């Protein structure tokens, strides 16, 4: 993938993360309106159908920053980019190009994958999975069936 395609994809990813954060705030508001206490990013949801309590499970969208490394003509990008001078494309008459970065906090824990692109398992005996499934359905309906969550993970 060239650096311009990479930049476009990272911009899309940052939009998706921001949208998910927005939907999560709406989900929190709806839960509060219905008397379900989910606290400040901590899930202590009461699942009414099973009268079971979930606690100490953090539900939040990761913090992120879309950053751009500015590389002048004839200069090499940072070693972390994995690019060299020949990978860069200088648009039009400008004497610089940019390399896009999507920055997230460093994670030292293993991930638990709840859904994938083509897999949406049922979590009838797992309350956290049930809440995340509920959130996924909420996003789909709240967005008027225009947004689907995929690849939901937690730590």
C-alpha atoms as a PDB file:
ATOM      1  CA  UNK A   1       0.000   0.000   0.000  1.00  0.00           C
ATOM      2  CA  UNK A   2       1.429   3.407  -0.893  1.00  0.00           C
ATOM      3  CA  UNK A   3       1.647   6.196   1.696  1.00  0.00           C
ATOM      4  CA  UNK A   4      -1.331   8.118   0.301  1.00  0.00           C
ATOM      5  CA  UNK A   5      -3.587   5.050   0.503  1.00  0.00           C
ATOM      6  CA  UNK A   6      -2.254   4.387   4.008  1.00  0.00           C
ATOM      7  CA  UNK A   7      -3.075   7.989   5.005  1.00  0.00           C
ATOM      8  CA  UNK A   8      -6.619   7.643   3.636  1.00  0.00           C
ATOM      9  CA  UNK A   9      -7.164   4.352   5.496  1.00  0.00           C
ATOM     10  CA  UNK A  10      -5.854   5.756   8.779  1.00  0.00           C
ATOM     11  CA  UNK A  11      -8.119   8.795   8.423  1.00  0.00           C
ATOM     12  CA  UNK A  12     -11.085   6.439   7.933  1.00  0.00           C
ATOM     13  CA  UNK A  13     -10.031   4.398  10.971  1.00  0.00           C
ATOM     14  CA  UNK A  14      -9.838   7.527  13.138  1.00  0.00           C
ATOM     15  CA  UNK A  15     -13.336   8.533  11.977  1.00  0.00           C
ATOM     16  CA  UNK A  16     -14.621   5.063  12.900  1.00  0.00           C
ATOM     17  CA  UNK A  17     -13.042   5.290  16.356  1.00  0.00           C
ATOM     18  CA  UNK A  18     -14.559   8.745  16.912  1.00  0.00           C
ATOM     19  CA  UNK A  19     -17.976   7.505  15.767  1.00  0.00           C
ATOM     20  CA  UNK A  20     -17.764   4.531  18.108  1.00  0.00           C
ATOM     21  CA  UNK A  21     -16.939   6.894  20.980  1.00  0.00           C
ATOM     22  CA  UNK A  22     -19.997   8.977  20.085  1.00  0.00           C
ATOM     23  CA  UNK A  23     -22.244   5.909  19.956  1.00  0.00           C
ATOM     24  CA  UNK A  24     -20.888   4.715  23.300  1.00  0.00           C
ATOM     25  CA  UNK A  25     -21.803   8.061  24.911  1.00  0.00           C
ATOM     26  CA  UNK A  26     -25.315   7.725  23.469  1.00  0.00           C
ATOM     27  CA  UNK A  27     -25.463   4.145  24.778  1.00  0.00           C
ATOM     28  CA  UNK A  28     -24.446   5.412  28.244  1.00  0.00           C
ATOM     29  CA  UNK A  29     -27.148   8.096  28.128  1.00  0.00           C
ATOM     30  CA  UNK A  30     -29.810   5.566  27.164  1.00  0.00           C
ATOM     31  CA  UNK A  31     -28.705   3.263  29.975  1.00  0.00           C
ATOM     32  CA  UNK A  32     -28.889   6.141  32.465  1.00  0.00           C
ATOM     33  CA  UNK A  33     -32.329   7.149  31.160  1.00  0.00           C
ATOM     34  CA  UNK A  34     -33.515   3.597  31.889  1.00  0.00           C
ATOM     35  CA  UNK A  35     -31.943   3.477  35.346  1.00  0.00           C
ATOM     36  CA  UNK A  36     -29.045   1.243  34.409  1.00  0.00           C
ATOM     37  CA  UNK A  37     -25.902   2.393  36.207  1.00  0.00           C
ATOM     38  CA  UNK A  38     -22.848   2.059  33.984  1.00  0.00           C
ATOM     39  CA  UNK A  39     -20.731   4.639  35.821  1.00  0.00           C
ATOM     40  CA  UNK A  40     -17.859   6.522  34.231  1.00  0.00           C
ATOM     41  CA  UNK A  41     -16.705   3.959  31.708  1.00  0.00           C
ATOM     42  CA  UNK A  42     -17.093   1.089  34.178  1.00  0.00           C
ATOM     43  CA  UNK A  43     -19.742  -1.406  33.309  1.00  0.00           C
ATOM     44  CA  UNK A  44     -21.941  -2.355  36.222  1.00  0.00           C
ATOM     45  CA  UNK A  45     -24.937  -3.106  34.072  1.00  0.00           C
ATOM     46  CA  UNK A  46     -27.861  -5.033  35.407  1.00  0.00           C
ATOM     47  CA  UNK A  47     -29.010  -7.448  32.773  1.00  0.00           C
ATOM     48  CA  UNK A  48     -32.736  -7.452  33.456  1.00  0.00           C
ATOM     49  CA  UNK A  49     -33.631 -10.736  31.742  1.00  0.00           C
ATOM     50  CA  UNK A  50     -31.226 -12.778  33.879  1.00  0.00           C
ATOM     51  CA  UNK A  51     -31.015 -10.478  36.947  1.00  0.00           C
ATOM     52  CA  UNK A  52     -27.242 -10.814  36.878  1.00  0.00           C
ATOM     53  CA  UNK A  53     -24.722  -8.109  37.731  1.00  0.00           C
ATOM     54  CA  UNK A  54     -21.569  -7.259  35.770  1.00  0.00           C
ATOM     55  CA  UNK A  55     -18.820  -5.393  37.538  1.00  0.00           C
ATOM     56  CA  UNK A  56     -15.264  -4.169  37.042  1.00  0.00           C
ATOM     57  CA  UNK A  57     -15.236  -4.513  33.294  1.00  0.00           C
ATOM     58  CA  UNK A  58     -14.037  -1.395  31.561  1.00  0.00           C
ATOM     59  CA  UNK A  59     -16.007  -0.474  28.469  1.00  0.00           C
ATOM     60  CA  UNK A  60     -14.483   2.395  26.556  1.00  0.00           C
ATOM     61  CA  UNK A  61     -13.250   3.287  23.128  1.00  0.00           C
ATOM     62  CA  UNK A  62      -9.489   3.637  22.971  1.00  0.00           C
ATOM     63  CA  UNK A  63      -7.912   7.061  22.987  1.00  0.00           C
ATOM     64  CA  UNK A  64      -6.204   7.847  19.700  1.00  0.00           C
ATOM     65  CA  UNK A  65      -4.446  10.569  17.800  1.00  0.00           C
ATOM     66  CA  UNK A  66      -4.075  10.888  14.041  1.00  0.00           C
ATOM     67  CA  UNK A  67      -0.609  12.338  13.486  1.00  0.00           C
ATOM     68  CA  UNK A  68       1.366  13.314  10.406  1.00  0.00           C
ATOM     69  CA  UNK A  69       5.137  13.172  10.046  1.00  0.00           C
ATOM     70  CA  UNK A  70       6.293  15.909   7.675  1.00  0.00           C
ATOM     71  CA  UNK A  71       9.203  14.801   5.505  1.00  0.00           C
ATOM     72  CA  UNK A  72      11.057  17.378   3.424  1.00  0.00           C
ATOM     73  CA  UNK A  73      12.336  16.704  -0.082  1.00  0.00           C
ATOM     74  CA  UNK A  74      15.499  14.606   0.035  1.00  0.00           C
ATOM     75  CA  UNK A  75      15.059  13.705   3.698  1.00  0.00           C
ATOM     76  CA  UNK A  76      14.353  10.220   5.022  1.00  0.00           C
ATOM     77  CA  UNK A  77      11.262   9.535   7.121  1.00  0.00           C
ATOM     78  CA  UNK A  78      11.680   8.194  10.653  1.00  0.00           C
ATOM     79  CA  UNK A  79      12.999   4.627  10.934  1.00  0.00           C
ATOM     80  CA  UNK A  80       9.759   3.602  12.686  1.00  0.00           C
ATOM     81  CA  UNK A  81       7.817   4.263   9.480  1.00  0.00           C
ATOM     82  CA  UNK A  82       9.574   1.437   7.677  1.00  0.00           C
ATOM     83  CA  UNK A  83       9.816   3.683   4.630  1.00  0.00           C
ATOM     84  CA  UNK A  84      12.803   4.992   2.747  1.00  0.00           C
ATOM     85  CA  UNK A  85      13.329   7.913   0.395  1.00  0.00           C
ATOM     86  CA  UNK A  86      12.113   5.887  -2.607  1.00  0.00           C
ATOM     87  CA  UNK A  87       8.733   5.143  -0.976  1.00  0.00           C
ATOM     88  CA  UNK A  88       7.812   8.824  -0.649  1.00  0.00           C
ATOM     89  CA  UNK A  89       5.582  10.681  -3.066  1.00  0.00           C
ATOM     90  CA  UNK A  90       5.788  14.459  -3.289  1.00  0.00           C
ATOM     91  CA  UNK A  91       2.458  15.891  -4.512  1.00  0.00           C
ATOM     92  CA  UNK A  92       2.535  18.674  -7.086  1.00  0.00           C
ATOM     93  CA  UNK A  93       4.910  21.523  -6.404  1.00  0.00           C
ATOM     94  CA  UNK A  94       5.300  21.055  -2.634  1.00  0.00           C
ATOM     95  CA  UNK A  95       8.713  20.294  -1.220  1.00  0.00           C
ATOM     96  CA  UNK A  96       7.460  17.947   1.478  1.00  0.00           C
ATOM     97  CA  UNK A  97       5.215  14.924   1.972  1.00  0.00           C
ATOM     98  CA  UNK A  98       3.514  13.425   4.993  1.00  0.00           C
ATOM     99  CA  UNK A  99       3.510  10.003   6.572  1.00  0.00           C
ATOM    100  CA  UNK A 100       0.352   9.250   8.571  1.00  0.00           C
ATOM    101  CA  UNK A 101       0.333   7.614  11.992  1.00  0.00           C
ATOM    102  CA  UNK A 102      -2.584   6.398  14.115  1.00  0.00           C
ATOM    103  CA  UNK A 103      -1.340   6.607  17.703  1.00  0.00           C
ATOM    104  CA  UNK A 104      -2.980   4.645  20.509  1.00  0.00           C
ATOM    105  CA  UNK A 105      -1.917   4.001  24.108  1.00  0.00           C
ATOM    106  CA  UNK A 106       0.525   1.157  24.541  1.00  0.00           C
ATOM    107  CA  UNK A 107      -1.278  -1.999  25.584  1.00  0.00           C
ATOM    108  CA  UNK A 108       0.509  -4.535  27.724  1.00  0.00           C
ATOM    109  CA  UNK A 109      -2.384  -6.941  28.129  1.00  0.00           C
ATOM    110  CA  UNK A 110      -3.680  -9.617  25.819  1.00  0.00           C
ATOM    111  CA  UNK A 111      -6.782  -8.881  23.797  1.00  0.00           C
ATOM    112  CA  UNK A 112     -10.063 -10.739  24.031  1.00  0.00           C
ATOM    113  CA  UNK A 113     -11.784 -10.785  20.681  1.00  0.00           C
ATOM    114  CA  UNK A 114     -15.579 -10.540  20.925  1.00  0.00           C
ATOM    115  CA  UNK A 115     -16.506 -10.221  17.238  1.00  0.00           C
ATOM    116  CA  UNK A 116     -14.716 -10.359  13.928  1.00  0.00           C
ATOM    117  CA  UNK A 117     -15.447  -9.098  10.464  1.00  0.00           C
ATOM    118  CA  UNK A 118     -17.471 -12.197   9.581  1.00  0.00           C
ATOM    119  CA  UNK A 119     -18.167 -13.657  13.024  1.00  0.00           C
ATOM    120  CA  UNK A 120     -20.697 -12.516  15.581  1.00  0.00           C
ATOM    121  CA  UNK A 121     -20.935 -15.255  18.217  1.00  0.00           C
ATOM    122  CA  UNK A 122     -23.742 -15.526  20.740  1.00  0.00           C
ATOM    123  CA  UNK A 123     -22.835 -14.969  24.395  1.00  0.00           C
ATOM    124  CA  UNK A 124     -25.806 -16.406  26.245  1.00  0.00           C
ATOM    125  CA  UNK A 125     -23.720 -17.346  29.313  1.00  0.00           C
ATOM    126  CA  UNK A 126     -21.296 -14.405  29.288  1.00  0.00           C
ATOM    127  CA  UNK A 127     -22.580 -11.093  30.571  1.00  0.00           C
ATOM    128  CA  UNK A 128     -19.786  -8.925  29.149  1.00  0.00           C
ATOM    129  CA  UNK A 129     -20.292 -10.531  25.748  1.00  0.00           C
ATOM    130  CA  UNK A 130     -24.026  -9.956  26.060  1.00  0.00           C
ATOM    131  CA  UNK A 131     -23.511  -6.269  26.866  1.00  0.00           C
ATOM    132  CA  UNK A 132     -21.140  -5.843  23.917  1.00  0.00           C
ATOM    133  CA  UNK A 133     -23.652  -7.595  21.675  1.00  0.00           C
ATOM    134  CA  UNK A 134     -26.320  -5.210  22.968  1.00  0.00           C
ATOM    135  CA  UNK A 135     -24.036  -2.244  22.237  1.00  0.00           C
ATOM    136  CA  UNK A 136     -23.449  -3.551  18.710  1.00  0.00           C
ATOM    137  CA  UNK A 137     -27.196  -3.799  18.102  1.00  0.00           C
ATOM    138  CA  UNK A 138     -27.681  -0.341  19.607  1.00  0.00           C
ATOM    139  CA  UNK A 139     -25.135   1.142  17.181  1.00  0.00           C
ATOM    140  CA  UNK A 140     -26.826  -0.522  14.215  1.00  0.00           C
ATOM    141  CA  UNK A 141     -30.280   0.753  15.164  1.00  0.00           C
ATOM    142  CA  UNK A 142     -29.195   4.184  16.441  1.00  0.00           C
ATOM    143  CA  UNK A 143     -27.318   4.800  13.172  1.00  0.00           C
ATOM    144  CA  UNK A 144     -30.519   3.964  11.250  1.00  0.00           C
ATOM    145  CA  UNK A 145     -28.922   0.711  10.065  1.00  0.00           C
ATOM    146  CA  UNK A 146     -25.920   2.437   8.461  1.00  0.00           C
ATOM    147  CA  UNK A 147     -23.129   1.401  10.888  1.00  0.00           C
ATOM    148  CA  UNK A 148     -22.109  -2.099  11.938  1.00  0.00           C
ATOM    149  CA  UNK A 149     -19.444  -2.784  14.556  1.00  0.00           C
ATOM    150  CA  UNK A 150     -16.885  -5.429  13.659  1.00  0.00           C
ATOM    151  CA  UNK A 151     -13.707  -6.667  15.262  1.00  0.00           C
ATOM    152  CA  UNK A 152     -14.702  -5.689  18.812  1.00  0.00           C
ATOM    153  CA  UNK A 153     -11.882  -6.395  21.267  1.00  0.00           C
ATOM    154  CA  UNK A 154     -11.187  -5.799  24.929  1.00  0.00           C
ATOM    155  CA  UNK A 155      -8.297  -6.160  27.308  1.00  0.00           C
END
